[in-house]
Protein backbone atom coordinates (compact mmCIF):
# COMPACT_ATOMS: atom_id res chain seq x y z
CA MET A 1 91.22 -66.17 140.91
CA THR A 2 90.57 -62.43 140.76
CA ASN A 3 89.62 -60.54 143.92
CA ALA A 4 86.06 -60.12 142.62
CA GLU A 5 85.79 -63.84 141.93
CA PHE A 6 87.18 -64.58 145.37
CA LEU A 7 84.54 -62.43 147.07
CA ASP A 8 81.83 -64.24 145.09
CA THR A 9 83.27 -67.56 146.25
CA TYR A 10 83.32 -66.37 149.85
CA LEU A 11 79.64 -65.41 149.72
CA HIS A 12 78.68 -68.82 148.36
CA MET A 13 80.95 -70.52 150.90
CA GLN A 14 79.00 -68.81 153.68
CA SER A 15 75.57 -69.37 152.14
CA GLY A 16 73.54 -71.34 154.68
CA ILE A 17 76.15 -70.64 157.36
CA ILE A 18 76.25 -66.89 158.00
CA PHE A 19 74.05 -65.81 155.11
CA ASP A 20 70.51 -67.15 155.16
CA LYS A 21 69.88 -65.68 151.75
CA LEU A 22 71.87 -64.35 148.79
CA THR A 23 69.82 -62.24 146.39
CA LYS A 24 70.94 -61.14 142.94
CA PHE A 25 70.10 -57.43 142.69
CA ASN A 26 71.01 -56.13 139.23
CA GLU A 27 74.79 -56.63 139.20
CA SER A 28 75.08 -56.79 142.99
CA ILE A 29 74.63 -59.60 145.50
CA LEU A 30 72.62 -58.72 148.58
CA THR A 31 73.34 -60.79 151.69
CA PHE A 32 70.91 -61.35 154.55
CA CYS A 33 71.42 -62.86 158.00
CA GLN A 34 68.34 -63.59 160.08
CA ALA A 35 70.08 -64.07 163.44
CA ASP A 36 72.29 -60.96 163.48
CA GLU A 37 71.51 -57.51 162.07
CA ALA A 38 75.15 -56.33 161.95
CA THR A 39 76.45 -54.89 158.69
CA TYR A 40 79.18 -57.56 158.79
CA TRP A 41 76.57 -60.07 157.64
CA ASN A 42 74.04 -57.85 155.84
CA PHE A 43 75.43 -55.94 152.88
CA ALA A 44 75.37 -55.57 149.11
CA LEU A 45 78.53 -56.70 147.35
CA VAL A 46 79.09 -54.34 144.42
CA LYS A 47 81.82 -54.41 141.76
CA ARG A 48 81.46 -51.13 139.88
CA VAL A 49 80.62 -47.48 140.40
CA MET A 50 76.86 -47.14 140.82
CA SER A 51 74.44 -44.32 140.02
CA GLU A 52 72.50 -42.48 142.71
CA GLN A 53 69.33 -44.22 141.61
CA GLU A 54 70.95 -47.66 141.89
CA ILE A 55 72.16 -46.84 145.40
CA ASP A 56 68.68 -45.64 146.36
CA ASN A 57 67.16 -48.85 144.97
CA LEU A 58 69.55 -50.93 147.06
CA ALA A 59 68.69 -48.86 150.14
CA GLN A 60 65.00 -49.62 149.61
CA ALA A 61 65.76 -53.33 149.35
CA PHE A 62 67.53 -53.19 152.72
CA ILE A 63 64.68 -51.26 154.30
CA LYS A 64 62.25 -53.99 153.20
CA LEU A 65 64.51 -56.51 154.93
CA LYS A 66 64.62 -54.29 158.05
CA ARG A 67 68.36 -53.88 157.72
CA ILE A 68 70.67 -50.87 157.54
CA PRO A 69 71.63 -50.04 153.94
CA SER A 70 75.19 -51.34 153.65
CA ILE A 71 77.40 -51.42 150.54
CA TYR A 72 80.59 -53.50 150.40
CA PHE A 73 83.27 -53.36 147.70
CA GLU A 74 86.93 -53.88 146.99
CA ASP A 75 88.97 -50.84 148.01
CA LYS A 76 90.67 -50.08 144.70
CA PRO A 77 91.21 -46.87 142.70
CA GLU A 78 88.57 -47.69 140.08
CA LEU A 79 85.90 -47.59 142.80
CA TYR A 80 87.03 -44.40 144.56
CA PRO A 81 84.21 -42.41 142.88
CA LEU A 82 81.77 -44.78 144.59
CA LYS A 83 83.27 -43.81 147.95
CA GLU A 84 82.73 -40.14 147.15
CA LEU A 85 79.14 -40.68 146.02
CA LEU A 86 78.24 -42.75 149.08
CA THR A 87 79.77 -40.12 151.37
CA ARG A 88 77.70 -37.38 149.70
CA LYS A 89 74.59 -39.50 150.23
CA GLY A 90 75.17 -39.83 153.97
CA TYR A 91 76.95 -43.19 154.10
CA LYS A 92 79.92 -43.66 156.41
CA ILE A 93 82.62 -46.31 156.69
CA SER A 94 81.34 -49.19 158.82
CA TYR A 95 84.47 -51.37 158.65
CA GLU A 96 87.38 -52.31 156.42
CA ASP A 97 88.38 -55.94 155.88
CA SER A 98 91.90 -57.05 155.19
CA TRP A 99 91.68 -60.33 153.26
CA MET A 100 94.76 -62.26 154.30
CA PHE A 101 96.18 -65.47 152.83
CA TYR A 102 98.71 -68.02 154.07
CA GLU A 103 100.82 -68.95 151.06
CA GLN A 104 103.51 -71.18 152.55
CA ALA A 105 103.34 -74.88 151.73
CA SER A 106 103.47 -76.07 155.35
CA VAL A 107 103.18 -74.97 158.97
CA HIS A 108 105.39 -75.78 161.93
CA LEU A 109 103.52 -76.59 165.13
CA PRO A 110 104.59 -78.26 168.38
CA ALA A 111 104.10 -82.02 168.38
CA ASP A 112 102.42 -82.26 171.77
CA TYR A 113 99.66 -79.64 171.81
CA LYS A 114 96.20 -80.70 172.93
CA VAL A 115 93.27 -79.95 170.63
CA ILE A 116 89.88 -81.53 170.06
CA SER A 117 87.50 -81.18 167.13
CA VAL A 118 84.04 -80.43 168.50
CA SER A 119 81.94 -83.56 168.08
CA SER A 120 79.19 -83.37 170.74
CA ASP A 121 76.68 -80.95 172.22
CA GLN A 122 78.75 -80.74 175.39
CA GLU A 123 81.91 -79.84 173.49
CA LEU A 124 79.99 -77.24 171.50
CA GLU A 125 78.90 -75.60 174.75
CA ILE A 126 82.54 -75.44 175.85
CA PHE A 127 83.51 -73.93 172.49
CA LEU A 128 80.82 -71.23 172.75
CA ASP A 129 81.76 -70.44 176.35
CA ILE A 130 85.45 -70.00 175.52
CA PHE A 131 84.65 -68.00 172.38
CA ASN A 132 82.47 -65.69 174.45
CA LYS A 133 85.27 -65.20 176.98
CA CYS A 134 87.72 -64.37 174.19
CA TYR A 135 85.58 -61.53 172.83
CA GLN A 136 84.81 -59.03 175.57
CA LYS A 137 84.53 -55.25 175.81
CA ASP A 138 87.53 -53.06 176.62
CA ASP A 139 90.05 -55.56 175.29
CA PRO A 140 92.86 -53.72 173.43
CA GLN A 141 93.54 -56.81 171.32
CA ASN A 142 89.90 -57.19 170.25
CA PRO A 143 88.43 -54.55 167.90
CA TYR A 144 85.05 -56.31 167.71
CA GLY A 145 83.81 -56.21 171.31
CA GLU A 146 81.12 -58.69 172.28
CA PHE A 147 79.46 -60.55 169.42
CA GLY A 148 76.17 -61.25 171.18
CA GLU A 149 73.60 -64.02 171.09
CA GLY A 150 72.87 -63.66 167.38
CA TYR A 151 76.39 -64.56 166.33
CA LEU A 152 76.64 -67.37 168.89
CA LYS A 153 73.49 -68.83 167.31
CA ILE A 154 75.17 -68.64 163.89
CA ILE A 155 78.14 -70.64 165.21
CA SER A 156 75.88 -73.18 166.89
CA ASP A 157 73.56 -73.65 163.90
CA SER A 158 76.43 -73.97 161.43
CA TRP A 159 78.06 -76.67 163.55
CA TYR A 160 74.80 -78.65 163.85
CA ASN A 161 74.16 -78.37 160.12
CA TYR A 162 77.62 -79.00 158.73
CA HIS A 163 80.04 -80.63 161.18
CA GLN A 164 79.28 -84.16 160.02
CA SER A 165 80.25 -83.31 156.45
CA GLN A 166 83.24 -81.32 157.79
CA ARG A 167 82.15 -78.27 155.88
CA VAL A 168 82.42 -76.55 159.27
CA GLU A 169 84.96 -77.69 161.87
CA CYS A 170 85.31 -76.15 165.34
CA PHE A 171 88.41 -76.67 167.50
CA ILE A 172 89.15 -76.27 171.22
CA PHE A 173 92.73 -75.93 172.49
CA TYR A 174 93.83 -76.84 176.01
CA LYS A 175 96.49 -75.76 178.46
CA ASN A 176 96.87 -78.84 180.62
CA GLN A 177 93.20 -79.66 181.29
CA GLU A 178 91.85 -76.13 180.82
CA PRO A 179 90.21 -75.04 177.54
CA VAL A 180 91.84 -71.72 176.65
CA ALA A 181 91.48 -71.08 172.90
CA VAL A 182 89.22 -71.78 169.93
CA SER A 183 89.15 -71.54 166.15
CA ALA A 184 87.03 -72.74 163.24
CA LEU A 185 87.61 -73.83 159.65
CA THR A 186 85.03 -73.64 156.85
CA ASN A 187 85.80 -75.83 153.83
CA TYR A 188 84.41 -75.05 150.38
CA GLU A 189 85.69 -76.23 147.01
CA ASP A 190 89.45 -75.47 147.08
CA ALA A 191 89.38 -72.94 149.92
CA GLY A 192 89.68 -73.07 153.70
CA TYR A 193 88.35 -70.08 155.66
CA ILE A 194 89.69 -69.54 159.18
CA SER A 195 87.46 -67.76 161.69
CA ASN A 196 86.40 -67.46 165.33
CA VAL A 197 90.01 -67.46 166.51
CA GLY A 198 90.51 -66.42 170.12
CA SER A 199 92.35 -67.10 173.34
CA VAL A 200 91.30 -66.16 176.87
CA ARG A 201 93.16 -63.22 178.37
CA HIS A 202 95.21 -65.02 181.00
CA VAL A 203 97.05 -67.10 178.38
CA ARG A 204 97.71 -64.28 175.91
CA GLY A 205 101.32 -64.22 174.80
CA GLN A 206 101.76 -67.97 175.33
CA GLY A 207 101.24 -68.92 171.68
CA PHE A 208 97.66 -70.18 171.79
CA GLY A 209 96.36 -67.67 169.24
CA ARG A 210 99.09 -68.69 166.82
CA LEU A 211 98.40 -72.36 167.52
CA ALA A 212 94.64 -72.01 167.00
CA THR A 213 95.12 -70.18 163.69
CA LEU A 214 97.85 -72.36 162.20
CA HIS A 215 96.10 -75.57 163.24
CA CYS A 216 93.31 -74.51 160.84
CA VAL A 217 95.87 -73.80 158.13
CA LYS A 218 97.37 -77.26 158.69
CA LYS A 219 93.94 -78.85 158.31
CA SER A 220 93.25 -76.79 155.19
CA ILE A 221 96.55 -77.87 153.63
CA GLU A 222 95.83 -81.51 154.47
CA LYS A 223 92.50 -81.24 152.65
CA GLY A 224 94.32 -80.12 149.51
CA HIS A 225 92.93 -76.58 149.40
CA ASN A 226 94.73 -73.99 147.32
CA TYR A 227 93.60 -71.05 149.45
CA HIS A 228 93.93 -70.70 153.22
CA PHE A 229 92.53 -67.34 154.26
CA LEU A 230 90.87 -65.13 156.83
CA ALA A 231 89.51 -61.61 157.11
CA THR A 232 90.31 -59.12 159.82
CA GLU A 233 89.87 -55.39 160.29
CA ALA A 234 92.75 -53.43 158.80
CA GLY A 235 94.81 -51.35 161.21
CA HIS A 236 93.94 -53.26 164.40
CA TYR A 237 95.95 -55.66 166.57
CA PRO A 238 94.69 -58.91 164.93
CA HIS A 239 95.90 -57.68 161.52
CA LYS A 240 99.42 -57.22 162.84
CA PHE A 241 99.25 -60.54 164.67
CA TYR A 242 98.30 -62.48 161.54
CA GLN A 243 101.10 -60.78 159.62
CA ARG A 244 103.58 -61.96 162.24
CA ILE A 245 102.54 -65.59 161.88
CA GLY A 246 102.79 -65.66 158.10
CA PHE A 247 99.62 -64.25 156.55
CA LYS A 248 99.78 -61.63 153.80
CA THR A 249 97.11 -59.15 152.78
CA LYS A 250 96.04 -59.72 149.19
CA PHE A 251 93.48 -56.91 149.11
CA THR A 252 91.15 -54.89 151.31
CA ALA A 253 87.41 -54.34 151.03
CA ILE A 254 85.35 -51.64 152.64
CA ASP A 255 81.78 -51.31 153.86
CA PHE A 256 79.80 -48.08 153.78
CA ALA A 257 76.58 -48.00 155.83
CA LYS A 258 73.77 -45.47 155.88
CA GLU A 259 73.35 -43.70 159.21
């Protein structure tokens, strides 16, 4: 699978989960999220250098959706002229994703860890509470800050819509009787996407982040997927953490947003 094909697959994997709508716009795919206006979930995936007019047309499409114009593409030499053009037109880097894959055939986890797969409203509330505690402001290990109510609604809605089919699985990890970490796995065709990984601050360094991540990899392997992957911002603590536990960056992609 090429990187461009992979990004297409990812968009369709998240259709109905994060993306409420995918719109074909010439040769681009425009994503739209109703619950959260962030450029993480509202962007145009492009695969070639565009003209000024094409960029302006995309910007107008975003304005109609009441979203910030946001253009996302693989960070590769062939598209460097697109970076230069977007910069001249007043766009700035919003974020850079490192697309990381776990390529080993198995994972090694302790035999006695306690984890549950969220299967009730009450367990979902626990998951959301722990997730919220994992992502707070002024945390040197968290480049994202607080996600806010919009993203929590995305998690909640996706679980209600897809947990019975196991397209979306949410996990809670315990230290003794205390819930201390979470993660999620999205299953689509032959790929397993790992997200929403976090551990509360007072157990950092005790292996719960590694456990939460690799538990999802284990589940993905058991389902027979060929790809076990996640995305994180290049250059920040999580990127280094995922490298340490066995993930490798296959490529990076970058988002430019209009100020």
